[in-house]
C-alpha atoms as a PDB file:
ATOM      1  CA  MET A   1      -8.624  12.606 -19.451  1.00  0.00           C
ATOM      2  CA  SER A   2      -8.453  10.329 -16.421  1.00  0.00           C
ATOM      3  CA  LEU A   3      -7.954   6.620 -17.038  1.00  0.00           C
ATOM      4  CA  PHE A   4     -10.722   5.976 -14.490  1.00  0.00           C
ATOM      5  CA  ARG A   5     -13.331   8.311 -15.946  1.00  0.00           C
ATOM      6  CA  ASP A   6     -16.612   6.468 -16.588  1.00  0.00           C
ATOM      7  CA  LYS A   7     -14.983   3.179 -15.563  1.00  0.00           C
ATOM      8  CA  SER A   8     -15.912   0.694 -12.853  1.00  0.00           C
ATOM      9  CA  VAL A   9     -13.309   0.411 -10.052  1.00  0.00           C
ATOM     10  CA  LEU A  10     -13.197  -1.997  -7.099  1.00  0.00           C
ATOM     11  CA  ILE A  11     -11.008  -1.604  -4.000  1.00  0.00           C
ATOM     12  CA  THR A  12     -10.454  -4.687  -1.847  1.00  0.00           C
ATOM     13  CA  GLY A  13      -9.937  -3.692   1.757  1.00  0.00           C
ATOM     14  CA  GLY A  14     -11.768  -0.536   0.759  1.00  0.00           C
ATOM     15  CA  THR A  15     -12.804   0.473   4.290  1.00  0.00           C
ATOM     16  CA  GLY A  16      -9.211   0.767   5.507  1.00  0.00           C
ATOM     17  CA  SER A  17      -7.242   4.012   5.663  1.00  0.00           C
ATOM     18  CA  PHE A  18      -5.824   3.506   2.157  1.00  0.00           C
ATOM     19  CA  GLY A  19      -9.187   2.537   0.715  1.00  0.00           C
ATOM     20  CA  ARG A  20     -10.976   5.561   2.146  1.00  0.00           C
ATOM     21  CA  LYS A  21      -8.334   8.013   0.915  1.00  0.00           C
ATOM     22  CA  CYS A  22      -8.286   6.304  -2.492  1.00  0.00           C
ATOM     23  CA  ALA A  23     -12.072   6.530  -2.699  1.00  0.00           C
ATOM     24  CA  ARG A  24     -11.899  10.240  -1.881  1.00  0.00           C
ATOM     25  CA  ILE A  25      -9.372  10.978  -4.617  1.00  0.00           C
ATOM     26  CA  LEU A  26     -11.118   8.818  -7.215  1.00  0.00           C
ATOM     27  CA  LEU A  27     -14.527  10.362  -6.547  1.00  0.00           C
ATOM     28  CA  GLU A  28     -13.332  13.962  -6.397  1.00  0.00           C
ATOM     29  CA  GLU A  29     -10.798  13.909  -9.239  1.00  0.00           C
ATOM     30  CA  HIS A  30     -11.408  10.964 -11.584  1.00  0.00           C
ATOM     31  CA  ALA A  31     -15.200  10.597 -12.035  1.00  0.00           C
ATOM     32  CA  PRO A  32     -15.558   6.804 -12.132  1.00  0.00           C
ATOM     33  CA  ALA A  33     -18.955   5.506 -13.218  1.00  0.00           C
ATOM     34  CA  ARG A  34     -18.951   3.058 -10.313  1.00  0.00           C
ATOM     35  CA  LEU A  35     -16.721   2.638  -7.246  1.00  0.00           C
ATOM     36  CA  ILE A  36     -17.096  -0.601  -5.292  1.00  0.00           C
ATOM     37  CA  VAL A  37     -15.833  -0.760  -1.711  1.00  0.00           C
ATOM     38  CA  TYR A  38     -15.152  -4.441  -0.960  1.00  0.00           C
ATOM     39  CA  SER A  39     -14.450  -5.352   2.664  1.00  0.00           C
ATOM     40  CA  ARG A  40     -15.452  -7.944   5.251  1.00  0.00           C
ATOM     41  CA  ASP A  41     -15.930  -5.433   8.104  1.00  0.00           C
ATOM     42  CA  GLU A  42     -19.644  -4.597   8.359  1.00  0.00           C
ATOM     43  CA  GLN A  43     -19.159  -1.885  10.978  1.00  0.00           C
ATOM     44  CA  LYS A  44     -16.582  -0.042   8.871  1.00  0.00           C
ATOM     45  CA  HIS A  45     -18.965  -0.139   5.911  1.00  0.00           C
ATOM     46  CA  VAL A  46     -21.648   1.481   8.052  1.00  0.00           C
ATOM     47  CA  ALA A  47     -19.280   4.147   9.383  1.00  0.00           C
ATOM     48  CA  MET A  48     -17.950   4.934   5.910  1.00  0.00           C
ATOM     49  CA  ALA A  49     -21.447   5.244   4.460  1.00  0.00           C
ATOM     50  CA  ARG A  50     -22.654   7.461   7.302  1.00  0.00           C
ATOM     51  CA  ASN A  51     -19.651   9.679   7.900  1.00  0.00           C
ATOM     52  CA  GLU A  52     -17.716   9.955   4.639  1.00  0.00           C
ATOM     53  CA  PHE A  53     -19.482   8.749   1.495  1.00  0.00           C
ATOM     54  CA  PRO A  54     -23.265   8.544   1.848  1.00  0.00           C
ATOM     55  CA  THR A  55     -24.839   7.156  -1.281  1.00  0.00           C
ATOM     56  CA  SER A  56     -27.208  10.157  -1.392  1.00  0.00           C
ATOM     57  CA  LEU A  57     -24.186  12.369  -2.158  1.00  0.00           C
ATOM     58  CA  TYR A  58     -22.097   9.764  -3.979  1.00  0.00           C
ATOM     59  CA  PRO A  59     -24.454   7.706  -6.147  1.00  0.00           C
ATOM     60  CA  GLN A  60     -21.476   6.022  -7.853  1.00  0.00           C
ATOM     61  CA  ILE A  61     -20.420   4.181  -4.689  1.00  0.00           C
ATOM     62  CA  ARG A  62     -21.356   0.603  -3.835  1.00  0.00           C
ATOM     63  CA  TYR A  63     -20.704  -1.075  -0.490  1.00  0.00           C
ATOM     64  CA  PHE A  64     -20.033  -4.778  -1.017  1.00  0.00           C
ATOM     65  CA  ILE A  65     -19.411  -6.932   2.062  1.00  0.00           C
ATOM     66  CA  GLY A  66     -17.094  -9.798   1.225  1.00  0.00           C
ATOM     67  CA  ASP A  67     -13.828 -11.520   2.094  1.00  0.00           C
ATOM     68  CA  VAL A  68     -10.927 -12.086  -0.303  1.00  0.00           C
ATOM     69  CA  ARG A  69     -10.880 -15.650   1.032  1.00  0.00           C
ATOM     70  CA  ASP A  70     -14.253 -16.201  -0.694  1.00  0.00           C
ATOM     71  CA  VAL A  71     -13.607 -16.565  -4.428  1.00  0.00           C
ATOM     72  CA  ALA A  72     -17.295 -16.952  -5.312  1.00  0.00           C
ATOM     73  CA  ARG A  73     -18.118 -13.661  -3.595  1.00  0.00           C
ATOM     74  CA  LEU A  74     -15.204 -11.980  -5.360  1.00  0.00           C
ATOM     75  CA  LYS A  75     -16.481 -13.133  -8.740  1.00  0.00           C
ATOM     76  CA  ARG A  76     -19.926 -11.744  -7.939  1.00  0.00           C
ATOM     77  CA  ALA A  77     -18.422  -8.378  -6.939  1.00  0.00           C
ATOM     78  CA  LEU A  78     -16.108  -8.178  -9.968  1.00  0.00           C
ATOM     79  CA  ARG A  79     -18.721  -8.572 -12.673  1.00  0.00           C
ATOM     80  CA  GLY A  80     -18.405  -5.590 -15.021  1.00  0.00           C
ATOM     81  CA  VAL A  81     -15.371  -4.157 -13.176  1.00  0.00           C
ATOM     82  CA  ASP A  82     -12.586  -2.570 -15.237  1.00  0.00           C
ATOM     83  CA  TYR A  83      -9.883  -1.882 -12.628  1.00  0.00           C
ATOM     84  CA  VAL A  84      -9.045  -3.408  -9.243  1.00  0.00           C
ATOM     85  CA  ILE A  85      -6.921  -1.969  -6.439  1.00  0.00           C
ATOM     86  CA  HIS A  86      -5.990  -4.804  -4.089  1.00  0.00           C
ATOM     87  CA  ALA A  87      -5.437  -3.337  -0.629  1.00  0.00           C
ATOM     88  CA  ALA A  88      -6.919  -6.101   1.553  1.00  0.00           C
ATOM     89  CA  ALA A  89      -4.372  -7.719   3.870  1.00  0.00           C
ATOM     90  CA  MET A  90      -3.500  -8.681   7.401  1.00  0.00           C
ATOM     91  CA  LYS A  91      -0.663  -6.232   8.017  1.00  0.00           C
ATOM     92  CA  HIS A  92       0.245  -6.108  11.727  1.00  0.00           C
ATOM     93  CA  VAL A  93       3.577  -7.866  12.189  1.00  0.00           C
ATOM     94  CA  ASP A  94       2.995  -9.047  15.763  1.00  0.00           C
ATOM     95  CA  VAL A  95      -0.542 -10.279  15.024  1.00  0.00           C
ATOM     96  CA  ALA A  96       0.729 -12.240  12.021  1.00  0.00           C
ATOM     97  CA  GLU A  97       3.485 -13.846  14.086  1.00  0.00           C
ATOM     98  CA  TYR A  98       0.896 -15.129  16.572  1.00  0.00           C
ATOM     99  CA  ASN A  99      -1.747 -16.047  13.967  1.00  0.00           C
ATOM    100  CA  PRO A 100       0.289 -17.311  11.001  1.00  0.00           C
ATOM    101  CA  GLN A 101      -2.426 -19.502   9.496  1.00  0.00           C
ATOM    102  CA  GLU A 102      -4.881 -16.597   9.315  1.00  0.00           C
ATOM    103  CA  CYS A 103      -2.290 -14.295   7.753  1.00  0.00           C
ATOM    104  CA  ILE A 104      -1.420 -16.903   5.120  1.00  0.00           C
ATOM    105  CA  ARG A 105      -5.082 -17.492   4.232  1.00  0.00           C
ATOM    106  CA  THR A 106      -5.736 -13.781   3.717  1.00  0.00           C
ATOM    107  CA  ASN A 107      -2.485 -12.529   2.198  1.00  0.00           C
ATOM    108  CA  ILE A 108      -1.577 -15.520   0.026  1.00  0.00           C
ATOM    109  CA  GLY A 109      -4.839 -17.402  -0.445  1.00  0.00           C
ATOM    110  CA  GLY A 110      -6.692 -14.121  -0.849  1.00  0.00           C
ATOM    111  CA  ALA A 111      -4.259 -12.950  -3.535  1.00  0.00           C
ATOM    112  CA  GLU A 112      -4.728 -16.209  -5.443  1.00  0.00           C
ATOM    113  CA  ASN A 113      -8.511 -15.788  -5.246  1.00  0.00           C
ATOM    114  CA  VAL A 114      -8.341 -12.205  -6.485  1.00  0.00           C
ATOM    115  CA  ILE A 115      -6.213 -13.263  -9.462  1.00  0.00           C
ATOM    116  CA  SER A 116      -8.591 -16.090 -10.397  1.00  0.00           C
ATOM    117  CA  ALA A 117     -11.649 -13.865 -10.056  1.00  0.00           C
ATOM    118  CA  CYS A 118     -10.090 -11.084 -12.154  1.00  0.00           C
ATOM    119  CA  LEU A 119      -9.160 -13.533 -14.906  1.00  0.00           C
ATOM    120  CA  ASP A 120     -12.620 -15.100 -14.945  1.00  0.00           C
ATOM    121  CA  CYS A 121     -14.461 -11.748 -14.870  1.00  0.00           C
ATOM    122  CA  GLY A 122     -12.423  -9.988 -17.562  1.00  0.00           C
ATOM    123  CA  VAL A 123     -10.932  -7.248 -15.370  1.00  0.00           C
ATOM    124  CA  GLN A 124      -8.570  -5.066 -17.430  1.00  0.00           C
ATOM    125  CA  ARG A 125      -5.925  -4.098 -14.864  1.00  0.00           C
ATOM    126  CA  LEU A 126      -5.072  -4.722 -11.221  1.00  0.00           C
ATOM    127  CA  VAL A 127      -2.512  -3.038  -8.993  1.00  0.00           C
ATOM    128  CA  ALA A 128      -1.749  -4.758  -5.683  1.00  0.00           C
ATOM    129  CA  LEU A 129      -0.299  -3.015  -2.647  1.00  0.00           C
ATOM    130  CA  SER A 130       2.868  -4.479  -1.183  1.00  0.00           C
ATOM    131  CA  THR A 131       5.302  -3.401   1.525  1.00  0.00           C
ATOM    132  CA  ASP A 132       9.006  -2.876   2.137  1.00  0.00           C
ATOM    133  CA  LYS A 133       8.760  -5.866   4.493  1.00  0.00           C
ATOM    134  CA  ALA A 134       8.360  -8.120   1.430  1.00  0.00           C
ATOM    135  CA  ALA A 135      11.975  -7.392   0.441  1.00  0.00           C
ATOM    136  CA  ASN A 136      14.293  -9.873   2.199  1.00  0.00           C
ATOM    137  CA  PRO A 137      11.522 -10.692   4.701  1.00  0.00           C
ATOM    138  CA  VAL A 138      12.296 -11.624   8.297  1.00  0.00           C
ATOM    139  CA  ASN A 139       8.706 -11.853   9.554  1.00  0.00           C
ATOM    140  CA  LEU A 140       5.658 -13.814   8.469  1.00  0.00           C
ATOM    141  CA  TYR A 141       3.788 -10.746   7.239  1.00  0.00           C
ATOM    142  CA  GLY A 142       6.659  -9.837   4.910  1.00  0.00           C
ATOM    143  CA  ALA A 143       6.959 -13.436   3.732  1.00  0.00           C
ATOM    144  CA  THR A 144       3.264 -13.610   2.867  1.00  0.00           C
ATOM    145  CA  LYS A 145       3.459 -10.325   0.972  1.00  0.00           C
ATOM    146  CA  LEU A 146       6.492 -11.598  -0.959  1.00  0.00           C
ATOM    147  CA  CYS A 147       4.458 -14.661  -1.954  1.00  0.00           C
ATOM    148  CA  SER A 148       1.540 -12.401  -2.882  1.00  0.00           C
ATOM    149  CA  ASP A 149       3.814 -10.243  -5.063  1.00  0.00           C
ATOM    150  CA  LYS A 150       5.125 -13.321  -6.854  1.00  0.00           C
ATOM    151  CA  LEU A 151       1.578 -14.531  -7.490  1.00  0.00           C
ATOM    152  CA  PHE A 152       0.508 -11.234  -9.041  1.00  0.00           C
ATOM    153  CA  VAL A 153       3.606 -10.979 -11.232  1.00  0.00           C
ATOM    154  CA  ALA A 154       3.151 -14.559 -12.428  1.00  0.00           C
ATOM    155  CA  GLY A 155      -0.563 -13.919 -13.016  1.00  0.00           C
ATOM    156  CA  ASN A 156       0.347 -12.159 -16.246  1.00  0.00           C
ATOM    157  CA  ALA A 157       1.483 -15.473 -17.720  1.00  0.00           C
ATOM    158  CA  LEU A 158      -2.015 -16.861 -17.157  1.00  0.00           C
ATOM    159  CA  SER A 159      -3.943 -14.054 -18.811  1.00  0.00           C
ATOM    160  CA  GLY A 160      -2.733 -14.267 -22.407  1.00  0.00           C
ATOM    161  CA  ASP A 161      -2.069 -11.353 -24.719  1.00  0.00           C
ATOM    162  CA  SER A 162      -5.394  -9.580 -24.177  1.00  0.00           C
ATOM    163  CA  GLY A 163      -6.283 -10.609 -20.625  1.00  0.00           C
ATOM    164  CA  THR A 164      -5.939  -9.015 -17.225  1.00  0.00           C
ATOM    165  CA  ARG A 165      -2.719  -7.174 -16.448  1.00  0.00           C
ATOM    166  CA  PHE A 166      -1.311  -7.437 -12.900  1.00  0.00           C
ATOM    167  CA  SER A 167       1.317  -5.178 -11.300  1.00  0.00           C
ATOM    168  CA  VAL A 168       2.462  -4.363  -7.770  1.00  0.00           C
ATOM    169  CA  VAL A 169       3.318  -1.190  -5.853  1.00  0.00           C
ATOM    170  CA  ARG A 170       5.803  -1.498  -2.984  1.00  0.00           C
ATOM    171  CA  TYR A 171       6.385   1.334  -0.541  1.00  0.00           C
ATOM    172  CA  GLY A 172       7.373   2.007   3.066  1.00  0.00           C
ATOM    173  CA  ASN A 173       5.630   3.003   6.275  1.00  0.00           C
ATOM    174  CA  VAL A 174       2.587   5.218   5.851  1.00  0.00           C
ATOM    175  CA  PHE A 175       2.917   8.241   8.115  1.00  0.00           C
ATOM    176  CA  GLY A 176       0.322   8.129  10.892  1.00  0.00           C
ATOM    177  CA  SER A 177      -1.370   4.904   9.763  1.00  0.00           C
ATOM    178  CA  ASN A 178      -3.058   2.581  12.248  1.00  0.00           C
ATOM    179  CA  GLY A 179      -0.468   0.679  14.257  1.00  0.00           C
ATOM    180  CA  SER A 180       2.402   3.005  13.288  1.00  0.00           C
ATOM    181  CA  VAL A 181       4.686   4.844  15.668  1.00  0.00           C
ATOM    182  CA  ILE A 182       3.273   8.388  15.352  1.00  0.00           C
ATOM    183  CA  PRO A 183      -0.152   7.584  16.893  1.00  0.00           C
ATOM    184  CA  LEU A 184       1.684   5.575  19.561  1.00  0.00           C
ATOM    185  CA  PHE A 185       3.924   8.504  20.475  1.00  0.00           C
ATOM    186  CA  ILE A 186       0.936  10.861  20.595  1.00  0.00           C
ATOM    187  CA  ARG A 187      -0.885   8.498  22.973  1.00  0.00           C
ATOM    188  CA  GLU A 188       2.170   8.159  25.209  1.00  0.00           C
ATOM    189  CA  GLN A 189       3.029  11.868  25.213  1.00  0.00           C
ATOM    190  CA  ALA A 190       0.935  12.671  28.279  1.00  0.00           C
ATOM    191  CA  GLY A 191       2.944  10.165  30.333  1.00  0.00           C
ATOM    192  CA  GLY A 192       6.227  11.921  29.620  1.00  0.00           C
ATOM    193  CA  VAL A 193       8.015   8.811  28.271  1.00  0.00           C
ATOM    194  CA  LEU A 194       8.139   7.572  24.679  1.00  0.00           C
ATOM    195  CA  PRO A 195       9.076   3.918  24.044  1.00  0.00           C
ATOM    196  CA  ILE A 196      11.896   3.538  21.487  1.00  0.00           C
ATOM    197  CA  THR A 197      12.648   0.106  20.088  1.00  0.00           C
ATOM    198  CA  ASP A 198      16.235   0.971  19.105  1.00  0.00           C
ATOM    199  CA  PRO A 199      17.750   4.462  18.722  1.00  0.00           C
ATOM    200  CA  ARG A 200      19.479   3.379  15.487  1.00  0.00           C
ATOM    201  CA  MET A 201      16.223   2.379  13.789  1.00  0.00           C
ATOM    202  CA  THR A 202      15.272   3.998  10.453  1.00  0.00           C
ATOM    203  CA  ARG A 203      12.199   3.702   8.261  1.00  0.00           C
ATOM    204  CA  PHE A 204      11.017   4.782   4.811  1.00  0.00           C
ATOM    205  CA  ILE A 205       8.151   7.262   5.189  1.00  0.00           C
ATOM    206  CA  ILE A 206       5.361   8.116   2.757  1.00  0.00           C
ATOM    207  CA  THR A 207       2.144  10.043   3.320  1.00  0.00           C
ATOM    208  CA  LEU A 208      -1.152   8.324   2.713  1.00  0.00           C
ATOM    209  CA  GLU A 209      -2.078  10.686  -0.110  1.00  0.00           C
ATOM    210  CA  ALA A 210       1.279  10.211  -1.838  1.00  0.00           C
ATOM    211  CA  GLY A 211       0.859   6.446  -1.600  1.00  0.00           C
ATOM    212  CA  VAL A 212      -2.606   6.567  -3.152  1.00  0.00           C
ATOM    213  CA  ARG A 213      -1.510   8.845  -5.987  1.00  0.00           C
ATOM    214  CA  PHE A 214       1.472   6.616  -6.757  1.00  0.00           C
ATOM    215  CA  VAL A 215      -0.816   3.573  -7.000  1.00  0.00           C
ATOM    216  CA  LEU A 216      -3.220   5.369  -9.342  1.00  0.00           C
ATOM    217  CA  ARG A 217      -0.303   6.536 -11.457  1.00  0.00           C
ATOM    218  CA  ALA A 218       0.921   2.928 -11.785  1.00  0.00           C
ATOM    219  CA  PHE A 219      -2.286   2.012 -13.628  1.00  0.00           C
ATOM    220  CA  ARG A 220      -1.364   4.332 -16.471  1.00  0.00           C
ATOM    221  CA  SER A 221       2.275   3.248 -16.834  1.00  0.00           C
ATOM    222  CA  MET A 222       1.981  -0.506 -16.188  1.00  0.00           C
ATOM    223  CA  VAL A 223       2.420  -3.175 -18.849  1.00  0.00           C
ATOM    224  CA  GLY A 224       2.064  -6.100 -16.481  1.00  0.00           C
ATOM    225  CA  GLY A 225       4.431  -7.826 -14.063  1.00  0.00           C
ATOM    226  CA  GLU A 226       6.257  -4.724 -12.798  1.00  0.00           C
ATOM    227  CA  ILE A 227       6.842  -3.841  -9.158  1.00  0.00           C
ATOM    228  CA  PHE A 228       6.763  -0.051  -8.823  1.00  0.00           C
ATOM    229  CA  VAL A 229       8.748   1.519  -5.983  1.00  0.00           C
ATOM    230  CA  PRO A 230       8.599   5.269  -5.222  1.00  0.00           C
ATOM    231  CA  ARG A 231      11.653   7.267  -4.192  1.00  0.00           C
ATOM    232  CA  ILE A 232      10.689   8.435  -0.703  1.00  0.00           C
ATOM    233  CA  PRO A 233      12.566   9.862   2.288  1.00  0.00           C
ATOM    234  CA  SER A 234      13.792   8.041   5.375  1.00  0.00           C
ATOM    235  CA  ALA A 235      13.364   9.070   9.005  1.00  0.00           C
ATOM    236  CA  ARG A 236      15.092   8.155  12.243  1.00  0.00           C
ATOM    237  CA  ILE A 237      12.928   6.859  15.061  1.00  0.00           C
ATOM    238  CA  THR A 238      14.597   9.309  17.433  1.00  0.00           C
ATOM    239  CA  ASP A 239      13.745  12.241  15.160  1.00  0.00           C
ATOM    240  CA  MET A 240      10.109  11.137  15.029  1.00  0.00           C
ATOM    241  CA  ALA A 241      10.012  11.096  18.825  1.00  0.00           C
ATOM    242  CA  ARG A 242      11.476  14.605  18.977  1.00  0.00           C
ATOM    243  CA  ALA A 243       8.963  15.820  16.399  1.00  0.00           C
ATOM    244  CA  VAL A 244       5.999  14.553  18.424  1.00  0.00           C
ATOM    245  CA  ALA A 245       7.111  15.408  21.954  1.00  0.00           C
ATOM    246  CA  PRO A 246      10.505  17.101  22.412  1.00  0.00           C
ATOM    247  CA  GLU A 247       9.756  17.505  26.118  1.00  0.00           C
ATOM    248  CA  CYS A 248       9.495  13.743  26.692  1.00  0.00           C
ATOM    249  CA  ARG A 249      12.328  11.410  27.553  1.00  0.00           C
ATOM    250  CA  THR A 250      12.725   8.170  25.619  1.00  0.00           C
ATOM    251  CA  GLN A 251      12.996   4.628  26.932  1.00  0.00           C
ATOM    252  CA  VAL A 252      14.606   1.863  24.874  1.00  0.00           C
ATOM    253  CA  VAL A 253      12.342  -1.199  24.950  1.00  0.00           C
ATOM    254  CA  GLY A 254      14.034  -3.401  22.345  1.00  0.00           C
ATOM    255  CA  ILE A 255      13.128  -4.582  18.859  1.00  0.00           C
ATOM    256  CA  ARG A 256       9.978  -6.689  18.695  1.00  0.00           C
ATOM    257  CA  PRO A 257       9.929 -10.183  17.150  1.00  0.00           C
ATOM    258  CA  GLY A 258       9.969  -9.953  13.350  1.00  0.00           C
ATOM    259  CA  GLU A 259      11.146  -6.337  13.275  1.00  0.00           C
ATOM    260  CA  LYS A 260      14.148  -5.025  11.315  1.00  0.00           C
ATOM    261  CA  LEU A 261      16.575  -2.333  12.378  1.00  0.00           C
ATOM    262  CA  HIS A 262      16.399  -0.829   8.871  1.00  0.00           C
ATOM    263  CA  GLU A 263      14.007  -1.508   6.018  1.00  0.00           C
ATOM    264  CA  CYS A 264      14.905  -2.284   2.411  1.00  0.00           C
ATOM    265  CA  MET A 265      12.677  -1.782  -0.627  1.00  0.00           C
ATOM    266  CA  ILE A 266      15.060  -3.018  -3.336  1.00  0.00           C
ATOM    267  CA  PRO A 267      17.700  -5.564  -2.257  1.00  0.00           C
ATOM    268  CA  ALA A 268      20.889  -5.820  -4.325  1.00  0.00           C
ATOM    269  CA  ASP A 269      19.720  -9.046  -5.960  1.00  0.00           C
ATOM    270  CA  GLU A 270      16.510  -7.387  -7.198  1.00  0.00           C
ATOM    271  CA  ALA A 271      18.360  -4.219  -8.231  1.00  0.00           C
ATOM    272  CA  ARG A 272      19.936  -6.137 -11.101  1.00  0.00           C
ATOM    273  CA  GLN A 273      16.530  -6.242 -12.815  1.00  0.00           C
ATOM    274  CA  THR A 274      15.518  -2.720 -11.745  1.00  0.00           C
ATOM    275  CA  ILE A 275      15.462   0.491 -13.741  1.00  0.00           C
ATOM    276  CA  GLN A 276      15.388   3.915 -12.137  1.00  0.00           C
ATOM    277  CA  TYR A 277      13.698   7.224 -12.833  1.00  0.00           C
ATOM    278  CA  GLU A 278      13.953  10.558 -11.064  1.00  0.00           C
ATOM    279  CA  ASP A 279      11.118   9.803  -8.654  1.00  0.00           C
ATOM    280  CA  HIS A 280      10.626   6.026  -8.749  1.00  0.00           C
ATOM    281  CA  PHE A 281      12.021   2.606  -9.611  1.00  0.00           C
ATOM    282  CA  VAL A 282      10.553  -0.233 -11.676  1.00  0.00           C
ATOM    283  CA  ILE A 283      11.495  -3.821 -10.851  1.00  0.00           C
ATOM    284  CA  LEU A 284      11.004  -5.710 -14.111  1.00  0.00           C
ATOM    285  CA  PRO A 285       9.430  -9.185 -14.164  1.00  0.00           C
ATOM    286  CA  GLY A 286      11.692 -12.210 -14.382  1.00  0.00           C
ATOM    287  CA  ASN A 287      12.248 -14.132 -17.588  1.00  0.00           C
ATOM    288  CA  ARG A 288       9.551 -16.700 -16.874  1.00  0.00           C
ATOM    289  CA  ALA A 289       7.014 -14.364 -15.241  1.00  0.00           C
ATOM    290  CA  GLY A 290       5.364 -13.137 -18.435  1.00  0.00           C
ATOM    291  CA  LYS A 291       5.447  -9.739 -20.159  1.00  0.00           C
ATOM    292  CA  ARG A 292       9.151  -9.176 -19.424  1.00  0.00           C
ATOM    293  CA  ALA A 293       9.946  -8.266 -23.037  1.00  0.00           C
ATOM    294  CA  ASP A 294       6.997  -5.863 -23.161  1.00  0.00           C
ATOM    295  CA  ALA A 295       8.037  -4.250 -19.892  1.00  0.00           C
ATOM    296  CA  ILE A 296      11.631  -3.774 -21.055  1.00  0.00           C
ATOM    297  CA  ALA A 297      10.441  -2.204 -24.303  1.00  0.00           C
ATOM    298  CA  HIS A 298       7.945   0.052 -22.507  1.00  0.00           C
ATOM    299  CA  HIS A 299      10.059   1.423 -19.652  1.00  0.00           C
ATOM    300  CA  GLU A 300      12.999   3.626 -20.614  1.00  0.00           C
ATOM    301  CA  GLY A 301      14.658   4.275 -17.264  1.00  0.00           C
ATOM    302  CA  ALA A 302      18.350   3.720 -16.583  1.00  0.00           C
ATOM    303  CA  PRO A 303      19.583   0.453 -15.049  1.00  0.00           C
ATOM    304  CA  CYS A 304      20.554   0.637 -11.388  1.00  0.00           C
ATOM    305  CA  PRO A 305      24.328   0.589 -10.803  1.00  0.00           C
ATOM    306  CA  GLU A 306      26.106  -2.611  -9.818  1.00  0.00           C
ATOM    307  CA  GLY A 307      25.759  -3.308  -6.093  1.00  0.00           C
ATOM    308  CA  PHE A 308      22.902  -0.855  -5.625  1.00  0.00           C
ATOM    309  CA  ALA A 309      20.348  -1.471  -2.842  1.00  0.00           C
ATOM    310  CA  TYR A 310      17.562   0.840  -1.749  1.00  0.00           C
ATOM    311  CA  SER A 311      17.641   0.773   2.048  1.00  0.00           C
ATOM    312  CA  SER A 312      16.302   3.189   4.659  1.00  0.00           C
ATOM    313  CA  ASP A 313      19.675   3.629   6.388  1.00  0.00           C
ATOM    314  CA  THR A 314      21.648   4.434   3.209  1.00  0.00           C
ATOM    315  CA  ASN A 315      18.957   6.551   1.571  1.00  0.00           C
ATOM    316  CA  GLY A 316      20.122   9.981   0.402  1.00  0.00           C
ATOM    317  CA  ASP A 317      16.847  11.703   1.323  1.00  0.00           C
ATOM    318  CA  TRP A 318      16.018  12.292   5.007  1.00  0.00           C
ATOM    319  CA  LEU A 319      13.159  13.987   6.839  1.00  0.00           C
ATOM    320  CA  SER A 320      14.380  16.577   9.324  1.00  0.00           C
ATOM    321  CA  VAL A 321      12.828  17.065  12.752  1.00  0.00           C
ATOM    322  CA  GLU A 322      11.308  20.335  11.527  1.00  0.00           C
ATOM    323  CA  VAL A 323       9.618  18.683   8.527  1.00  0.00           C
ATOM    324  CA  LEU A 324       8.450  15.781  10.678  1.00  0.00           C
ATOM    325  CA  ARG A 325       6.978  18.244  13.179  1.00  0.00           C
ATOM    326  CA  ARG A 326       4.927  19.911  10.443  1.00  0.00           C
ATOM    327  CA  MET A 327       3.713  16.481   9.329  1.00  0.00           C
ATOM    328  CA  VAL A 328       2.758  15.642  12.920  1.00  0.00           C
ATOM    329  CA  ASP A 329       0.867  18.925  13.274  1.00  0.00           C
ATOM    330  CA  ARG A 330      -1.036  18.165  10.069  1.00  0.00           C
ATOM    331  CA  PHE A 331      -1.802  14.656  11.297  1.00  0.00           C
ATOM    332  CA  ARG A 332      -3.164  15.985  14.586  1.00  0.00           C
ATOM    333  CA  ALA A 333      -5.328  18.532  12.760  1.00  0.00           C
ATOM    334  CA  ASP A 334      -6.680  15.944  10.311  1.00  0.00           C
ATOM    335  CA  SER A 335      -7.435  13.534  13.166  1.00  0.00           C
ATOM    336  CA  ALA A 336      -9.431  16.230  14.959  1.00  0.00           C
ATOM    337  CA  GLU A 337     -11.573  17.124  11.912  1.00  0.00           C
ATOM    338  CA  PRO A 338     -15.038  15.586  11.616  1.00  0.00           C
ATOM    339  CA  GLN A 339     -14.968  12.779   9.080  1.00  0.00           C
ATOM    340  CA  HIS A 340     -18.041  13.791   7.120  1.00  0.00           C
ATOM    341  CA  ARG A 341     -17.349  16.339   4.386  1.00  0.00           C
ATOM    342  CA  ARG A 342     -20.184  17.324   2.101  1.00  0.00           C
ATOM    343  CA  ARG A 343     -19.633  17.730  -1.593  1.00  0.00           C
ATOM    344  CA  ALA A 344     -19.552  21.353  -2.684  1.00  0.00           C
ATOM    345  CA  ALA A 345     -22.806  22.526  -4.169  1.00  0.00           C
END
């Protein structure tokens, strides 16, 4: 039986691409009693209600306009909620570099508000979304997500033995997400030239559905304080360009401010407190973060070897051009489909 069956679930940032896919999977496979979409974007609420999840077909859904910066509004939304998926964030690296105060208020202040509201409202479990950019960050977005991760891990020390449990999921670039390179290449294809930041660049790649399912799976296996990291493949930027438009030439435009040549999800220093499984890693909480002993007793994976680091350029799993091309074809087809899908009679 699903952990979410007959439960009340809230998704912050619920009108984003992750939130919409998560809502789809929860509603179609997990039968929650109530699903609350929490987001500050009124227009996205309207579009989601009209095109994807009308309340006439999905009576479980609630559309709750609110900002994670507003702790009073969060507390109102979280009354009676069992589980929270925290997906709200400012995530565009270049926007964060130019608007650092706004990014800090949402990603760090918002995380603190969510923790306080969950503790006060008796939420059972929360899983927060993080990013590979939080590991050894070089840009403001990554730094704010690192702070957010630390807040959620430490939140377990505030909740006592029977209070809210907080954990984090960290993964790489979501294939085809807003602001990612695949939509950019598709837009530029007609011009015959694809901009490449650096031909050596590599990235971790995960599909949106795989990311959602990994987050939902973390709810079942979490004790509190863990950072869950999936084992996912890497891809070369040049291979992604060939998959989208092999007929186009590429033009090197240089790495943007705050960008890395390669991404890392588990640096060597964190690997010392990481255990590994066949398809994922678990970074255990530090000694003073709360629930470390419980997490060690609960998780039975093998310790990572000395000197290990999980980086996109040294990853043993790579997406070929052929596989990437099939993913691109699927992305194009999904983008062309009408959003509204009626529930089967």
